[in-house]
Amino acid sequence: MNDLLTWFKEHAVLTGWLAGASVVTLVASALLVPILVARMRADYFLPERDSERMFANLHPVIRWTGLILKNLFGALLFISGLIMLATPGQGLITMFVGMILMDFPGKRRLELRIIRIGAVHRAIDWIRRRAGREPLQLPES
């Protein structure tokens, strides 16, 4: 225990930055995650939705800029969620929302596995209910 306290004293600047980052991620997730979850379409997980793509009908420069920014924001949320697993905050939901924003191979299958976890699905539907939105619709197993 003494070694840990000594380490914190020797690395006071780093400890301060980590504490500050923890507070920022906690506040950001508390504000952004409920907004993003409430804005999700209820049919997001249904197969018919795959035909619609974000930014598909826009100019290529706008499309690629939007896709890059969306993926960067998703990665930032995902990393913040990882940090929140060890610090205060809603880590799993933040990671899930970050993953939804990113594009990568196997994403759909992973999203469905995670949303079918009872605690995650209940938490997301609770946020949506508080925002006056209908629950998420899931495809049949």
C-alpha atoms as a PDB file:
ATOM      1  CA  MET A   1       0.000   0.000   0.000  1.00  0.00           C
ATOM      2  CA  ASN A   2       2.866   2.327   0.833  1.00  0.00           C
ATOM      3  CA  ASP A   3       4.389   1.684  -2.589  1.00  0.00           C
ATOM      4  CA  LEU A   4       1.150   2.664  -4.288  1.00  0.00           C
ATOM      5  CA  LEU A   5       0.918   5.923  -2.330  1.00  0.00           C
ATOM      6  CA  THR A   6       4.546   6.669  -3.133  1.00  0.00           C
ATOM      7  CA  TRP A   7       3.884   6.043  -6.831  1.00  0.00           C
ATOM      8  CA  PHE A   8       0.906   8.445  -6.788  1.00  0.00           C
ATOM      9  CA  LYS A   9       3.023  11.116  -5.083  1.00  0.00           C
ATOM     10  CA  GLU A  10       5.851  10.651  -7.598  1.00  0.00           C
ATOM     11  CA  HIS A  11       3.438  10.852 -10.536  1.00  0.00           C
ATOM     12  CA  ALA A  12       1.144  13.618  -9.300  1.00  0.00           C
ATOM     13  CA  VAL A  13       0.713  15.199 -12.747  1.00  0.00           C
ATOM     14  CA  LEU A  14      -0.215  11.890 -14.386  1.00  0.00           C
ATOM     15  CA  THR A  15      -2.584  11.073 -11.521  1.00  0.00           C
ATOM     16  CA  GLY A  16      -4.237  14.473 -11.926  1.00  0.00           C
ATOM     17  CA  TRP A  17      -4.678  13.984 -15.674  1.00  0.00           C
ATOM     18  CA  LEU A  18      -6.146  10.509 -15.153  1.00  0.00           C
ATOM     19  CA  ALA A  19      -8.554  11.798 -12.513  1.00  0.00           C
ATOM     20  CA  GLY A  20      -9.565  14.666 -14.803  1.00  0.00           C
ATOM     21  CA  ALA A  21     -10.068  12.287 -17.755  1.00  0.00           C
ATOM     22  CA  SER A  22     -12.208  10.074 -15.540  1.00  0.00           C
ATOM     23  CA  VAL A  23     -14.457  12.993 -14.589  1.00  0.00           C
ATOM     24  CA  VAL A  24     -14.705  14.186 -18.205  1.00  0.00           C
ATOM     25  CA  THR A  25     -15.641  10.714 -19.497  1.00  0.00           C
ATOM     26  CA  LEU A  26     -18.188  10.293 -16.709  1.00  0.00           C
ATOM     27  CA  VAL A  27     -19.883  13.608 -17.519  1.00  0.00           C
ATOM     28  CA  ALA A  28     -19.664  13.109 -21.295  1.00  0.00           C
ATOM     29  CA  SER A  29     -21.159   9.630 -21.122  1.00  0.00           C
ATOM     30  CA  ALA A  30     -23.899  10.757 -18.755  1.00  0.00           C
ATOM     31  CA  LEU A  31     -24.876  13.449 -21.279  1.00  0.00           C
ATOM     32  CA  LEU A  32     -24.193  11.844 -24.666  1.00  0.00           C
ATOM     33  CA  VAL A  33     -25.084   8.171 -24.250  1.00  0.00           C
ATOM     34  CA  PRO A  34     -28.744   8.745 -23.325  1.00  0.00           C
ATOM     35  CA  ILE A  35     -29.126  11.158 -26.249  1.00  0.00           C
ATOM     36  CA  LEU A  36     -27.607   8.695 -28.723  1.00  0.00           C
ATOM     37  CA  VAL A  37     -29.611   5.740 -27.371  1.00  0.00           C
ATOM     38  CA  ALA A  38     -32.853   7.729 -27.531  1.00  0.00           C
ATOM     39  CA  ARG A  39     -32.120   8.845 -31.100  1.00  0.00           C
ATOM     40  CA  MET A  40     -31.555   5.282 -32.344  1.00  0.00           C
ATOM     41  CA  ARG A  41     -34.292   4.005 -34.583  1.00  0.00           C
ATOM     42  CA  ALA A  42     -36.382   1.317 -32.892  1.00  0.00           C
ATOM     43  CA  ASP A  43     -35.795  -0.940 -35.920  1.00  0.00           C
ATOM     44  CA  TYR A  44     -31.995  -0.478 -35.877  1.00  0.00           C
ATOM     45  CA  PHE A  45     -31.402  -4.201 -35.274  1.00  0.00           C
ATOM     46  CA  LEU A  46     -33.900  -5.505 -37.831  1.00  0.00           C
ATOM     47  CA  PRO A  47     -32.468  -6.930 -41.090  1.00  0.00           C
ATOM     48  CA  GLU A  48     -34.598  -4.630 -43.284  1.00  0.00           C
ATOM     49  CA  ARG A  49     -32.719  -1.626 -41.915  1.00  0.00           C
ATOM     50  CA  ASP A  50     -29.459  -2.767 -43.517  1.00  0.00           C
ATOM     51  CA  SER A  51     -30.583  -1.387 -46.868  1.00  0.00           C
ATOM     52  CA  GLU A  52     -30.361   2.169 -45.526  1.00  0.00           C
ATOM     53  CA  ARG A  53     -26.876   3.584 -45.130  1.00  0.00           C
ATOM     54  CA  MET A  54     -25.878   6.777 -43.382  1.00  0.00           C
ATOM     55  CA  PHE A  55     -24.525   9.462 -45.743  1.00  0.00           C
ATOM     56  CA  ALA A  56     -25.243   7.229 -48.793  1.00  0.00           C
ATOM     57  CA  ASN A  57     -26.847   9.905 -50.975  1.00  0.00           C
ATOM     58  CA  LEU A  58     -24.407  12.715 -50.202  1.00  0.00           C
ATOM     59  CA  HIS A  59     -21.441  14.057 -52.158  1.00  0.00           C
ATOM     60  CA  PRO A  60     -18.441  11.682 -51.776  1.00  0.00           C
ATOM     61  CA  VAL A  61     -16.354  14.247 -49.860  1.00  0.00           C
ATOM     62  CA  ILE A  62     -19.175  14.866 -47.385  1.00  0.00           C
ATOM     63  CA  ARG A  63     -19.906  11.130 -47.186  1.00  0.00           C
ATOM     64  CA  TRP A  64     -16.310  10.184 -46.367  1.00  0.00           C
ATOM     65  CA  THR A  65     -15.857  13.071 -43.942  1.00  0.00           C
ATOM     66  CA  GLY A  66     -19.053  12.057 -42.135  1.00  0.00           C
ATOM     67  CA  LEU A  67     -18.036   8.393 -42.020  1.00  0.00           C
ATOM     68  CA  ILE A  68     -14.561   9.211 -40.701  1.00  0.00           C
ATOM     69  CA  LEU A  69     -15.931  11.544 -38.004  1.00  0.00           C
ATOM     70  CA  LYS A  70     -18.621   9.014 -37.034  1.00  0.00           C
ATOM     71  CA  ASN A  71     -16.016   6.262 -36.667  1.00  0.00           C
ATOM     72  CA  LEU A  72     -13.642   8.493 -34.693  1.00  0.00           C
ATOM     73  CA  PHE A  73     -16.439   9.516 -32.328  1.00  0.00           C
ATOM     74  CA  GLY A  74     -17.457   5.849 -31.968  1.00  0.00           C
ATOM     75  CA  ALA A  75     -13.857   4.873 -31.156  1.00  0.00           C
ATOM     76  CA  LEU A  76     -13.642   7.685 -28.600  1.00  0.00           C
ATOM     77  CA  LEU A  77     -16.847   6.473 -26.916  1.00  0.00           C
ATOM     78  CA  PHE A  78     -15.654   2.860 -26.987  1.00  0.00           C
ATOM     79  CA  ILE A  79     -12.308   3.756 -25.387  1.00  0.00           C
ATOM     80  CA  SER A  80     -14.112   5.945 -22.818  1.00  0.00           C
ATOM     81  CA  GLY A  81     -16.342   2.964 -22.023  1.00  0.00           C
ATOM     82  CA  LEU A  82     -13.283   0.784 -21.481  1.00  0.00           C
ATOM     83  CA  ILE A  83     -11.881   3.377 -19.093  1.00  0.00           C
ATOM     84  CA  MET A  84     -15.231   3.525 -17.292  1.00  0.00           C
ATOM     85  CA  LEU A  85     -15.057  -0.194 -16.564  1.00  0.00           C
ATOM     86  CA  ALA A  86     -12.419   0.727 -13.970  1.00  0.00           C
ATOM     87  CA  THR A  87     -13.659   4.227 -13.107  1.00  0.00           C
ATOM     88  CA  PRO A  88     -17.089   5.720 -12.392  1.00  0.00           C
ATOM     89  CA  GLY A  89     -19.477   5.721 -15.333  1.00  0.00           C
ATOM     90  CA  GLN A  90     -21.685   3.527 -17.459  1.00  0.00           C
ATOM     91  CA  GLY A  91     -18.897   1.664 -19.234  1.00  0.00           C
ATOM     92  CA  LEU A  92     -20.768  -1.163 -20.969  1.00  0.00           C
ATOM     93  CA  ILE A  93     -23.469   1.048 -22.437  1.00  0.00           C
ATOM     94  CA  THR A  94     -20.899   3.643 -23.549  1.00  0.00           C
ATOM     95  CA  MET A  95     -18.829   0.917 -25.221  1.00  0.00           C
ATOM     96  CA  PHE A  96     -21.967  -0.418 -26.912  1.00  0.00           C
ATOM     97  CA  VAL A  97     -22.986   2.987 -28.282  1.00  0.00           C
ATOM     98  CA  GLY A  98     -19.424   3.581 -29.490  1.00  0.00           C
ATOM     99  CA  MET A  99     -19.449   0.218 -31.235  1.00  0.00           C
ATOM    100  CA  ILE A 100     -22.769   1.034 -32.931  1.00  0.00           C
ATOM    101  CA  LEU A 101     -21.218   4.187 -34.412  1.00  0.00           C
ATOM    102  CA  MET A 102     -18.137   2.391 -35.780  1.00  0.00           C
ATOM    103  CA  ASP A 103     -17.940   0.313 -38.958  1.00  0.00           C
ATOM    104  CA  PHE A 104     -15.956  -2.957 -38.880  1.00  0.00           C
ATOM    105  CA  PRO A 105     -16.330  -6.549 -40.126  1.00  0.00           C
ATOM    106  CA  GLY A 106     -18.574  -8.716 -37.918  1.00  0.00           C
ATOM    107  CA  LYS A 107     -20.134  -5.677 -36.251  1.00  0.00           C
ATOM    108  CA  ARG A 108     -23.735  -6.775 -36.828  1.00  0.00           C
ATOM    109  CA  ARG A 109     -23.274 -10.192 -35.244  1.00  0.00           C
ATOM    110  CA  LEU A 110     -21.443  -8.694 -32.248  1.00  0.00           C
ATOM    111  CA  GLU A 111     -24.117  -6.002 -31.751  1.00  0.00           C
ATOM    112  CA  LEU A 112     -26.862  -8.611 -31.690  1.00  0.00           C
ATOM    113  CA  ARG A 113     -24.965 -10.753 -29.176  1.00  0.00           C
ATOM    114  CA  ILE A 114     -24.502  -7.782 -26.862  1.00  0.00           C
ATOM    115  CA  ILE A 115     -28.040  -6.351 -27.156  1.00  0.00           C
ATOM    116  CA  ARG A 116     -29.464  -9.772 -26.321  1.00  0.00           C
ATOM    117  CA  ILE A 117     -27.736  -9.638 -22.922  1.00  0.00           C
ATOM    118  CA  GLY A 118     -30.663  -8.965 -20.596  1.00  0.00           C
ATOM    119  CA  ALA A 119     -29.029  -6.221 -18.511  1.00  0.00           C
ATOM    120  CA  VAL A 120     -27.859  -4.272 -21.593  1.00  0.00           C
ATOM    121  CA  HIS A 121     -31.232  -4.543 -23.347  1.00  0.00           C
ATOM    122  CA  ARG A 122     -33.135  -3.512 -20.209  1.00  0.00           C
ATOM    123  CA  ALA A 123     -30.824  -0.522 -19.614  1.00  0.00           C
ATOM    124  CA  ILE A 124     -31.157   0.702 -23.198  1.00  0.00           C
ATOM    125  CA  ASP A 125     -34.938   0.264 -23.220  1.00  0.00           C
ATOM    126  CA  TRP A 126     -35.139   2.073 -19.864  1.00  0.00           C
ATOM    127  CA  ILE A 127     -33.245   5.050 -21.340  1.00  0.00           C
ATOM    128  CA  ARG A 128     -35.529   5.009 -24.401  1.00  0.00           C
ATOM    129  CA  ARG A 129     -38.678   4.795 -22.249  1.00  0.00           C
ATOM    130  CA  ARG A 130     -37.561   7.821 -20.208  1.00  0.00           C
ATOM    131  CA  ALA A 131     -37.065   9.722 -23.475  1.00  0.00           C
ATOM    132  CA  GLY A 132     -40.569   8.783 -24.641  1.00  0.00           C
ATOM    133  CA  ARG A 133     -39.286   6.434 -27.353  1.00  0.00           C
ATOM    134  CA  GLU A 134     -40.497   2.919 -28.128  1.00  0.00           C
ATOM    135  CA  PRO A 135     -38.340  -0.082 -27.117  1.00  0.00           C
ATOM    136  CA  LEU A 136     -35.841  -1.528 -29.551  1.00  0.00           C
ATOM    137  CA  GLN A 137     -37.156  -4.217 -31.894  1.00  0.00           C
ATOM    138  CA  LEU A 138     -34.962  -7.297 -32.140  1.00  0.00           C
ATOM    139  CA  PRO A 139     -35.003  -9.957 -34.876  1.00  0.00           C
ATOM    140  CA  GLU A 140     -36.018 -13.479 -33.955  1.00  0.00           C
ATOM    141  CA  SER A 141     -33.076 -15.566 -32.786  1.00  0.00           C
END
